[in-house]
Amino acid sequence: VPCHHRASLAHGQRIKDVLAAQVGLELGRREHPRGDPKNAAKIAALGLLKGGDRVPAARAKLVFRRILSAWQEEELRDDGAACGDDDDDVEYQQFLEHSRSEVPQLYHHLTSETPSAFEILWRASTWTKDPKGARKREKWDKWERQMGEQVVRAWAQSRDLSELVCEC
């Protein structure tokens, strides 16, 4: 669950800060990079499709508006059709047929306000992450590791490492 993950990260950061302070080390602050809105839209789209007709109409429309905000209108108009090649077009048509038969209420609720809703859900649910987003995460992980190593080195110089293990 994303909120639990965030709480765990915040708790971990507090522990690092406390341990660093105990050895007189100031780590400084670095904000976690914001997630990719299209990745969040993909997760939301998959959840909405999985919930299907069990999702209340008001909730489905709210989630869809969030998905739509990640997929700018210009992008949809630039691409034209739902898919880029014939294989994708066949898969999209199968997705559309499946959606109409398996989640008719969801299909009706979303397409009544946005006729292209299932095209957008298709794009969001089949989207793959840009490698640039992965590099941002790698930089964050590297910074986290470096800060942890710095705390361990400083602790080792001033105290017994077994105390650090007990603190953790």
N, C-alpha and C. Protein backbone atom coordinates (compact mmCIF):
# COMPACT_ATOMS: atom_id res chain seq x y z
N VAL A 1 0.85 -1.17 0.00
CA VAL A 1 0.00 0.00 0.00
C VAL A 1 0.90 1.24 0.00
N PRO A 2 0.70 2.17 -0.92
CA PRO A 2 1.58 3.32 -1.03
C PRO A 2 1.73 4.14 0.25
N CYS A 3 0.68 4.33 1.02
CA CYS A 3 0.79 5.13 2.23
C CYS A 3 1.66 4.43 3.27
N HIS A 4 1.60 3.10 3.32
CA HIS A 4 2.45 2.35 4.24
C HIS A 4 3.90 2.44 3.80
N HIS A 5 4.12 2.40 2.49
CA HIS A 5 5.48 2.51 1.97
C HIS A 5 6.08 3.87 2.33
N ARG A 6 5.29 4.93 2.14
CA ARG A 6 5.76 6.28 2.48
C ARG A 6 6.08 6.39 3.96
N ALA A 7 5.21 5.83 4.81
CA ALA A 7 5.44 5.88 6.26
C ALA A 7 6.71 5.12 6.62
N SER A 8 6.93 3.99 5.96
CA SER A 8 8.13 3.20 6.22
C SER A 8 9.38 3.98 5.81
N LEU A 9 9.33 4.65 4.67
CA LEU A 9 10.47 5.46 4.22
C LEU A 9 10.75 6.60 5.19
N ALA A 10 9.69 7.25 5.65
CA ALA A 10 9.85 8.37 6.59
C ALA A 10 10.44 7.87 7.91
N HIS A 11 9.96 6.72 8.37
CA HIS A 11 10.50 6.15 9.60
C HIS A 11 11.98 5.80 9.43
N GLY A 12 12.32 5.20 8.31
CA GLY A 12 13.72 4.87 8.03
C GLY A 12 14.61 6.11 8.01
N GLN A 13 14.09 7.19 7.44
CA GLN A 13 14.85 8.44 7.39
C GLN A 13 15.07 8.99 8.79
N ARG A 14 14.03 8.92 9.64
CA ARG A 14 14.17 9.39 11.03
C ARG A 14 15.23 8.57 11.77
N ILE A 15 15.23 7.27 11.57
CA ILE A 15 16.23 6.42 12.22
C ILE A 15 17.63 6.82 11.76
N LYS A 16 17.81 7.02 10.46
CA LYS A 16 19.13 7.44 9.95
C LYS A 16 19.54 8.77 10.55
N ASP A 17 18.60 9.70 10.66
CA ASP A 17 18.92 11.01 11.24
C ASP A 17 19.37 10.88 12.69
N VAL A 18 18.65 10.05 13.46
CA VAL A 18 18.99 9.86 14.87
C VAL A 18 20.37 9.22 15.01
N LEU A 19 20.61 8.17 14.22
CA LEU A 19 21.90 7.50 14.29
C LEU A 19 23.04 8.42 13.87
N ALA A 20 22.81 9.21 12.83
CA ALA A 20 23.84 10.15 12.37
C ALA A 20 24.11 11.20 13.44
N ALA A 21 23.06 11.69 14.09
CA ALA A 21 23.23 12.71 15.12
C ALA A 21 24.02 12.17 16.31
N GLN A 22 23.84 10.90 16.62
CA GLN A 22 24.56 10.31 17.75
C GLN A 22 26.06 10.27 17.53
N VAL A 23 26.50 10.32 16.27
CA VAL A 23 27.95 10.34 15.99
C VAL A 23 28.38 11.71 15.47
N GLY A 24 27.50 12.71 15.62
CA GLY A 24 27.85 14.07 15.24
C GLY A 24 27.88 14.31 13.74
N LEU A 25 27.07 13.62 13.00
CA LEU A 25 27.04 13.74 11.55
C LEU A 25 25.72 14.37 11.11
N GLU A 26 25.80 15.39 10.27
CA GLU A 26 24.60 16.03 9.73
C GLU A 26 24.41 15.54 8.29
N LEU A 27 23.33 14.81 8.05
CA LEU A 27 23.11 14.22 6.73
C LEU A 27 22.57 15.22 5.72
N GLY A 28 21.83 16.19 6.16
CA GLY A 28 21.19 17.09 5.21
C GLY A 28 19.92 16.45 4.69
N ARG A 29 19.11 17.23 4.06
CA ARG A 29 17.83 16.74 3.57
C ARG A 29 17.85 16.63 2.06
N ARG A 30 17.19 15.61 1.60
CA ARG A 30 17.00 15.46 0.17
C ARG A 30 15.60 14.92 -0.03
N GLU A 31 14.85 15.61 -0.83
CA GLU A 31 13.47 15.20 -1.07
C GLU A 31 13.44 14.01 -2.02
N HIS A 32 12.54 13.11 -1.74
CA HIS A 32 12.35 11.96 -2.60
C HIS A 32 11.79 12.45 -3.94
N PRO A 33 12.29 11.92 -5.06
CA PRO A 33 11.77 12.37 -6.35
C PRO A 33 10.29 12.02 -6.51
N ARG A 34 9.56 12.91 -7.13
CA ARG A 34 8.14 12.65 -7.37
C ARG A 34 8.00 11.50 -8.34
N GLY A 35 6.99 10.71 -8.12
CA GLY A 35 6.74 9.57 -9.00
C GLY A 35 6.25 10.03 -10.36
N ASP A 36 6.33 9.16 -11.30
CA ASP A 36 5.88 9.44 -12.65
C ASP A 36 4.35 9.41 -12.67
N PRO A 37 3.70 10.50 -13.11
CA PRO A 37 2.23 10.52 -13.11
C PRO A 37 1.63 9.44 -14.00
N LYS A 38 2.33 9.07 -15.08
CA LYS A 38 1.79 8.01 -15.94
C LYS A 38 1.88 6.65 -15.27
N ASN A 39 2.89 6.46 -14.45
CA ASN A 39 2.97 5.20 -13.71
C ASN A 39 1.83 5.13 -12.69
N ALA A 40 1.55 6.24 -12.03
CA ALA A 40 0.42 6.29 -11.10
C ALA A 40 -0.89 6.05 -11.85
N ALA A 41 -1.00 6.62 -13.06
CA ALA A 41 -2.20 6.42 -13.88
C ALA A 41 -2.34 4.95 -14.28
N LYS A 42 -1.22 4.30 -14.57
CA LYS A 42 -1.27 2.88 -14.93
C LYS A 42 -1.79 2.06 -13.76
N ILE A 43 -1.28 2.32 -12.58
CA ILE A 43 -1.72 1.59 -11.39
C ILE A 43 -3.21 1.83 -11.14
N ALA A 44 -3.63 3.08 -11.28
CA ALA A 44 -5.04 3.42 -11.07
C ALA A 44 -5.92 2.74 -12.12
N ALA A 45 -5.48 2.74 -13.37
CA ALA A 45 -6.26 2.12 -14.45
C ALA A 45 -6.40 0.63 -14.21
N LEU A 46 -5.31 -0.03 -13.83
CA LEU A 46 -5.37 -1.47 -13.58
C LEU A 46 -6.31 -1.77 -12.39
N GLY A 47 -6.25 -0.92 -11.37
CA GLY A 47 -7.14 -1.10 -10.23
C GLY A 47 -8.60 -0.89 -10.60
N LEU A 48 -8.85 0.12 -11.40
CA LEU A 48 -10.21 0.42 -11.83
C LEU A 48 -10.76 -0.73 -12.68
N LEU A 49 -9.94 -1.24 -13.58
CA LEU A 49 -10.38 -2.36 -14.42
C LEU A 49 -10.59 -3.63 -13.60
N LYS A 50 -9.73 -3.85 -12.62
CA LYS A 50 -9.87 -5.03 -11.76
C LYS A 50 -11.14 -4.94 -10.92
N GLY A 51 -11.40 -3.75 -10.38
CA GLY A 51 -12.62 -3.55 -9.58
C GLY A 51 -13.87 -3.62 -10.41
N GLY A 52 -13.77 -3.15 -11.64
CA GLY A 52 -14.87 -3.23 -12.59
C GLY A 52 -16.16 -2.63 -12.09
N ASP A 53 -17.25 -3.38 -12.23
CA ASP A 53 -18.58 -2.89 -11.86
C ASP A 53 -18.76 -2.79 -10.34
N ARG A 54 -17.86 -3.36 -9.57
CA ARG A 54 -17.96 -3.26 -8.10
C ARG A 54 -17.56 -1.86 -7.61
N VAL A 55 -16.85 -1.09 -8.44
CA VAL A 55 -16.42 0.26 -8.06
C VAL A 55 -17.63 1.19 -8.19
N PRO A 56 -17.99 1.91 -7.11
CA PRO A 56 -19.11 2.85 -7.21
C PRO A 56 -18.86 3.89 -8.32
N ALA A 57 -19.93 4.29 -8.98
CA ALA A 57 -19.82 5.20 -10.14
C ALA A 57 -19.05 6.48 -9.80
N ALA A 58 -19.36 7.09 -8.66
CA ALA A 58 -18.69 8.34 -8.29
C ALA A 58 -17.19 8.12 -8.11
N ARG A 59 -16.83 7.01 -7.49
CA ARG A 59 -15.41 6.69 -7.28
C ARG A 59 -14.72 6.40 -8.62
N ALA A 60 -15.38 5.66 -9.48
CA ALA A 60 -14.82 5.34 -10.79
C ALA A 60 -14.55 6.62 -11.59
N LYS A 61 -15.49 7.56 -11.53
CA LYS A 61 -15.31 8.82 -12.27
C LYS A 61 -14.18 9.64 -11.68
N LEU A 62 -14.04 9.65 -10.37
CA LEU A 62 -12.95 10.38 -9.72
C LEU A 62 -11.60 9.78 -10.12
N VAL A 63 -11.48 8.47 -10.04
CA VAL A 63 -10.23 7.80 -10.41
C VAL A 63 -9.93 8.05 -11.89
N PHE A 64 -10.96 7.98 -12.72
CA PHE A 64 -10.75 8.21 -14.15
C PHE A 64 -10.25 9.63 -14.41
N ARG A 65 -10.78 10.63 -13.70
CA ARG A 65 -10.31 12.01 -13.88
C ARG A 65 -8.82 12.11 -13.54
N ARG A 66 -8.38 11.37 -12.51
CA ARG A 66 -6.96 11.37 -12.17
C ARG A 66 -6.13 10.73 -13.28
N ILE A 67 -6.64 9.65 -13.84
CA ILE A 67 -5.94 8.99 -14.95
C ILE A 67 -5.88 9.94 -16.14
N LEU A 68 -6.99 10.57 -16.43
CA LEU A 68 -7.06 11.49 -17.56
C LEU A 68 -6.09 12.65 -17.40
N SER A 69 -5.89 13.13 -16.19
CA SER A 69 -4.98 14.25 -15.98
C SER A 69 -3.54 13.88 -16.32
N ALA A 70 -3.19 12.60 -16.19
CA ALA A 70 -1.84 12.16 -16.55
C ALA A 70 -1.68 12.03 -18.05
N TRP A 71 -2.77 11.83 -18.74
CA TRP A 71 -2.74 11.68 -20.20
C TRP A 71 -3.34 12.94 -20.82
N GLN A 72 -2.48 13.88 -21.10
CA GLN A 72 -2.92 15.16 -21.62
C GLN A 72 -3.69 15.00 -22.93
N GLU A 73 -4.66 15.86 -23.12
CA GLU A 73 -5.49 15.81 -24.33
C GLU A 73 -4.65 15.88 -25.61
N GLU A 74 -3.57 16.69 -25.58
CA GLU A 74 -2.73 16.85 -26.77
C GLU A 74 -2.11 15.51 -27.18
N GLU A 75 -1.67 14.73 -26.20
CA GLU A 75 -1.06 13.44 -26.50
C GLU A 75 -2.05 12.53 -27.20
N LEU A 76 -3.28 12.56 -26.74
CA LEU A 76 -4.30 11.70 -27.34
C LEU A 76 -4.61 12.12 -28.76
N ARG A 77 -4.67 13.43 -28.99
CA ARG A 77 -4.96 13.92 -30.33
C ARG A 77 -3.78 13.68 -31.27
N ASP A 78 -2.54 13.83 -30.76
CA ASP A 78 -1.36 13.63 -31.60
C ASP A 78 -1.27 12.21 -32.13
N ASP A 79 -1.62 11.25 -31.28
CA ASP A 79 -1.49 9.86 -31.68
C ASP A 79 -2.60 9.40 -32.61
N GLY A 80 -3.72 10.09 -32.60
CA GLY A 80 -4.81 9.72 -33.48
C GLY A 80 -5.54 8.49 -32.99
N ALA A 81 -5.23 7.35 -33.58
CA ALA A 81 -5.91 6.10 -33.24
C ALA A 81 -5.48 5.62 -31.86
N ALA A 82 -6.18 4.62 -31.39
CA ALA A 82 -5.89 4.11 -30.06
C ALA A 82 -4.52 3.45 -29.99
N CYS A 83 -4.06 2.92 -31.09
CA CYS A 83 -2.87 2.10 -31.05
C CYS A 83 -1.94 2.43 -32.21
N GLY A 84 -0.71 1.98 -32.07
CA GLY A 84 0.30 2.33 -33.05
C GLY A 84 0.42 1.37 -34.21
N ASP A 85 0.21 0.08 -34.01
CA ASP A 85 0.35 -0.87 -35.11
C ASP A 85 -0.81 -1.85 -35.10
N ASP A 86 -0.84 -2.73 -36.09
CA ASP A 86 -1.98 -3.64 -36.25
C ASP A 86 -2.14 -4.59 -35.06
N ASP A 87 -1.03 -5.09 -34.52
CA ASP A 87 -1.12 -5.98 -33.36
C ASP A 87 -1.76 -5.28 -32.18
N ASP A 88 -1.33 -4.02 -31.94
CA ASP A 88 -1.91 -3.25 -30.84
C ASP A 88 -3.39 -2.99 -31.09
N ASP A 89 -3.75 -2.73 -32.34
CA ASP A 89 -5.14 -2.44 -32.67
C ASP A 89 -6.02 -3.66 -32.40
N VAL A 90 -5.53 -4.84 -32.72
CA VAL A 90 -6.29 -6.06 -32.45
C VAL A 90 -6.44 -6.24 -30.94
N GLU A 91 -5.36 -6.04 -30.19
CA GLU A 91 -5.42 -6.17 -28.73
C GLU A 91 -6.38 -5.15 -28.14
N TYR A 92 -6.35 -3.92 -28.66
CA TYR A 92 -7.25 -2.89 -28.16
C TYR A 92 -8.70 -3.27 -28.43
N GLN A 93 -8.99 -3.77 -29.62
CA GLN A 93 -10.36 -4.17 -29.95
C GLN A 93 -10.83 -5.30 -29.03
N GLN A 94 -9.92 -6.25 -28.73
CA GLN A 94 -10.27 -7.34 -27.80
C GLN A 94 -10.52 -6.77 -26.40
N PHE A 95 -9.68 -5.84 -25.99
CA PHE A 95 -9.85 -5.19 -24.69
C PHE A 95 -11.21 -4.49 -24.62
N LEU A 96 -11.55 -3.78 -25.69
CA LEU A 96 -12.81 -3.04 -25.74
C LEU A 96 -14.00 -3.99 -25.68
N GLU A 97 -13.97 -5.05 -26.45
CA GLU A 97 -15.06 -6.04 -26.43
C GLU A 97 -15.18 -6.69 -25.06
N HIS A 98 -14.04 -7.06 -24.49
CA HIS A 98 -14.04 -7.68 -23.16
C HIS A 98 -14.63 -6.71 -22.13
N SER A 99 -14.23 -5.44 -22.21
CA SER A 99 -14.72 -4.44 -21.25
C SER A 99 -16.22 -4.24 -21.37
N ARG A 100 -16.71 -4.17 -22.59
CA ARG A 100 -18.15 -3.98 -22.80
C ARG A 100 -18.96 -5.14 -22.22
N SER A 101 -18.43 -6.35 -22.34
CA SER A 101 -19.19 -7.51 -21.86
C SER A 101 -18.97 -7.79 -20.37
N GLU A 102 -17.75 -7.57 -19.87
CA GLU A 102 -17.44 -7.94 -18.48
C GLU A 102 -17.69 -6.84 -17.46
N VAL A 103 -17.57 -5.58 -17.87
CA VAL A 103 -17.78 -4.46 -16.94
C VAL A 103 -18.70 -3.41 -17.59
N PRO A 104 -19.91 -3.83 -17.93
CA PRO A 104 -20.80 -2.92 -18.67
C PRO A 104 -21.17 -1.64 -17.91
N GLN A 105 -21.35 -1.74 -16.59
CA GLN A 105 -21.70 -0.55 -15.83
C GLN A 105 -20.54 0.45 -15.81
N LEU A 106 -19.35 -0.05 -15.57
CA LEU A 106 -18.17 0.82 -15.59
C LEU A 106 -18.02 1.45 -16.97
N TYR A 107 -18.19 0.64 -18.00
CA TYR A 107 -18.08 1.14 -19.37
C TYR A 107 -19.09 2.27 -19.60
N HIS A 108 -20.31 2.05 -19.17
CA HIS A 108 -21.36 3.07 -19.36
C HIS A 108 -21.07 4.35 -18.57
N HIS A 109 -20.68 4.20 -17.29
CA HIS A 109 -20.42 5.37 -16.45
C HIS A 109 -19.31 6.25 -17.04
N LEU A 110 -18.25 5.62 -17.49
CA LEU A 110 -17.11 6.40 -17.98
C LEU A 110 -17.32 6.95 -19.38
N THR A 111 -17.88 6.14 -20.28
CA THR A 111 -18.05 6.61 -21.66
C THR A 111 -19.20 7.60 -21.80
N SER A 112 -20.11 7.65 -20.82
CA SER A 112 -21.20 8.63 -20.90
C SER A 112 -20.66 10.06 -20.77
N GLU A 113 -19.58 10.21 -20.01
CA GLU A 113 -18.97 11.54 -19.86
C GLU A 113 -17.79 11.74 -20.81
N THR A 114 -17.03 10.70 -21.06
CA THR A 114 -15.86 10.79 -21.92
C THR A 114 -15.92 9.62 -22.90
N PRO A 115 -16.36 9.85 -24.12
CA PRO A 115 -16.50 8.74 -25.08
C PRO A 115 -15.21 7.94 -25.30
N SER A 116 -14.07 8.58 -25.16
CA SER A 116 -12.79 7.88 -25.39
C SER A 116 -12.22 7.29 -24.09
N ALA A 117 -13.05 7.15 -23.07
CA ALA A 117 -12.57 6.71 -21.75
C ALA A 117 -11.82 5.38 -21.81
N PHE A 118 -12.33 4.43 -22.56
CA PHE A 118 -11.67 3.12 -22.57
C PHE A 118 -10.43 3.12 -23.45
N GLU A 119 -10.33 4.02 -24.38
CA GLU A 119 -9.08 4.20 -25.12
C GLU A 119 -8.01 4.71 -24.15
N ILE A 120 -8.40 5.64 -23.31
CA ILE A 120 -7.46 6.21 -22.32
C ILE A 120 -7.08 5.14 -21.29
N LEU A 121 -8.05 4.36 -20.83
CA LEU A 121 -7.75 3.27 -19.90
C LEU A 121 -6.81 2.25 -20.54
N TRP A 122 -7.03 1.96 -21.81
CA TRP A 122 -6.16 1.03 -22.53
C TRP A 122 -4.72 1.57 -22.57
N ARG A 123 -4.58 2.82 -22.95
CA ARG A 123 -3.24 3.43 -23.02
C ARG A 123 -2.57 3.43 -21.65
N ALA A 124 -3.32 3.82 -20.63
CA ALA A 124 -2.76 3.89 -19.28
C ALA A 124 -2.37 2.50 -18.78
N SER A 125 -3.22 1.51 -19.00
CA SER A 125 -2.96 0.17 -18.46
C SER A 125 -1.86 -0.56 -19.21
N THR A 126 -1.57 -0.17 -20.44
CA THR A 126 -0.52 -0.85 -21.22
C THR A 126 0.76 -0.02 -21.32
N TRP A 127 0.76 1.15 -20.69
CA TRP A 127 1.93 2.04 -20.74
C TRP A 127 3.12 1.39 -20.05
N THR A 128 4.33 1.61 -20.60
CA THR A 128 5.55 1.14 -19.95
C THR A 128 6.41 2.33 -19.59
N LYS A 129 7.12 2.18 -18.50
CA LYS A 129 7.89 3.29 -17.92
C LYS A 129 9.05 3.73 -18.81
N ASP A 130 9.24 5.03 -18.83
CA ASP A 130 10.36 5.64 -19.54
C ASP A 130 11.65 5.35 -18.77
N PRO A 131 12.73 4.99 -19.46
CA PRO A 131 13.99 4.71 -18.77
C PRO A 131 14.51 5.89 -17.94
N LYS A 132 14.13 7.13 -18.28
CA LYS A 132 14.58 8.29 -17.51
C LYS A 132 14.06 8.21 -16.08
N GLY A 133 12.85 7.72 -15.89
CA GLY A 133 12.29 7.57 -14.55
C GLY A 133 13.08 6.56 -13.74
N ALA A 134 13.56 5.51 -14.39
CA ALA A 134 14.37 4.51 -13.69
C ALA A 134 15.69 5.12 -13.24
N ARG A 135 16.27 5.99 -14.08
CA ARG A 135 17.54 6.63 -13.71
C ARG A 135 17.36 7.54 -12.50
N LYS A 136 16.22 8.22 -12.41
CA LYS A 136 15.95 9.10 -11.26
C LYS A 136 15.92 8.26 -9.99
N ARG A 137 15.28 7.10 -10.05
CA ARG A 137 15.20 6.22 -8.89
C ARG A 137 16.59 5.69 -8.53
N GLU A 138 17.40 5.36 -9.55
CA GLU A 138 18.76 4.87 -9.30
C GLU A 138 19.59 5.93 -8.58
N LYS A 139 19.45 7.20 -8.97
CA LYS A 139 20.17 8.28 -8.31
C LYS A 139 19.75 8.39 -6.84
N TRP A 140 18.44 8.28 -6.59
CA TRP A 140 17.94 8.35 -5.23
C TRP A 140 18.51 7.20 -4.40
N ASP A 141 18.48 5.98 -4.97
CA ASP A 141 19.01 4.82 -4.26
C ASP A 141 20.49 4.99 -3.96
N LYS A 142 21.24 5.55 -4.90
CA LYS A 142 22.67 5.77 -4.70
C LYS A 142 22.89 6.75 -3.56
N TRP A 143 22.11 7.84 -3.54
CA TRP A 143 22.23 8.84 -2.47
C TRP A 143 21.92 8.20 -1.12
N GLU A 144 20.85 7.40 -1.06
CA GLU A 144 20.48 6.72 0.18
C GLU A 144 21.61 5.81 0.66
N ARG A 145 22.19 5.04 -0.25
CA ARG A 145 23.28 4.13 0.11
C ARG A 145 24.49 4.90 0.62
N GLN A 146 24.82 6.00 -0.07
CA GLN A 146 25.97 6.80 0.35
C GLN A 146 25.76 7.38 1.74
N MET A 147 24.57 7.85 2.03
CA MET A 147 24.29 8.39 3.36
C MET A 147 24.40 7.30 4.42
N GLY A 148 23.89 6.12 4.13
CA GLY A 148 24.00 5.01 5.06
C GLY A 148 25.44 4.61 5.31
N GLU A 149 26.23 4.57 4.24
CA GLU A 149 27.65 4.23 4.39
C GLU A 149 28.38 5.28 5.21
N GLN A 150 28.02 6.53 5.01
CA GLN A 150 28.65 7.62 5.76
C GLN A 150 28.35 7.49 7.26
N VAL A 151 27.11 7.14 7.59
CA VAL A 151 26.74 6.95 8.99
C VAL A 151 27.53 5.78 9.59
N VAL A 152 27.62 4.67 8.87
CA VAL A 152 28.34 3.51 9.38
C VAL A 152 29.82 3.83 9.59
N ARG A 153 30.44 4.51 8.64
CA ARG A 153 31.86 4.87 8.79
C ARG A 153 32.07 5.79 9.99
N ALA A 154 31.22 6.80 10.13
CA ALA A 154 31.35 7.73 11.26
C ALA A 154 31.13 7.00 12.58
N TRP A 155 30.16 6.10 12.61
CA TRP A 155 29.88 5.34 13.82
C TRP A 155 31.08 4.45 14.17
N ALA A 156 31.65 3.81 13.17
CA ALA A 156 32.78 2.90 13.40
C ALA A 156 33.98 3.65 13.97
N GLN A 157 34.14 4.90 13.61
CA GLN A 157 35.27 5.69 14.11
C GLN A 157 35.07 6.11 15.57
N SER A 158 33.84 6.26 15.99
CA SER A 158 33.61 6.79 17.34
C SER A 158 33.00 5.78 18.31
N ARG A 159 32.44 4.70 17.81
CA ARG A 159 31.77 3.74 18.68
C ARG A 159 31.94 2.32 18.15
N ASP A 160 31.43 1.40 18.93
CA ASP A 160 31.44 -0.01 18.54
C ASP A 160 30.29 -0.27 17.55
N LEU A 161 30.58 -0.95 16.46
CA LEU A 161 29.56 -1.21 15.45
C LEU A 161 28.43 -2.10 15.99
N SER A 162 28.70 -2.90 17.01
CA SER A 162 27.64 -3.74 17.56
C SER A 162 26.53 -2.87 18.18
N GLU A 163 26.91 -1.68 18.69
CA GLU A 163 25.90 -0.76 19.22
C GLU A 163 24.99 -0.27 18.09
N LEU A 164 25.58 -0.03 16.92
CA LEU A 164 24.80 0.41 15.76
C LEU A 164 23.79 -0.66 15.38
N VAL A 165 24.21 -1.90 15.39
CA VAL A 165 23.32 -3.00 15.07
C VAL A 165 22.17 -3.05 16.07
N CYS A 166 22.47 -2.85 17.35
CA CYS A 166 21.43 -2.83 18.38
C CYS A 166 20.47 -1.67 18.16
N GLU A 167 20.99 -0.51 17.76
CA GLU A 167 20.14 0.66 17.52
C GLU A 167 19.18 0.41 16.37
N CYS A 168 19.66 -0.29 15.36
CA CYS A 168 18.82 -0.55 14.19
C CYS A 168 17.73 -1.54 14.53
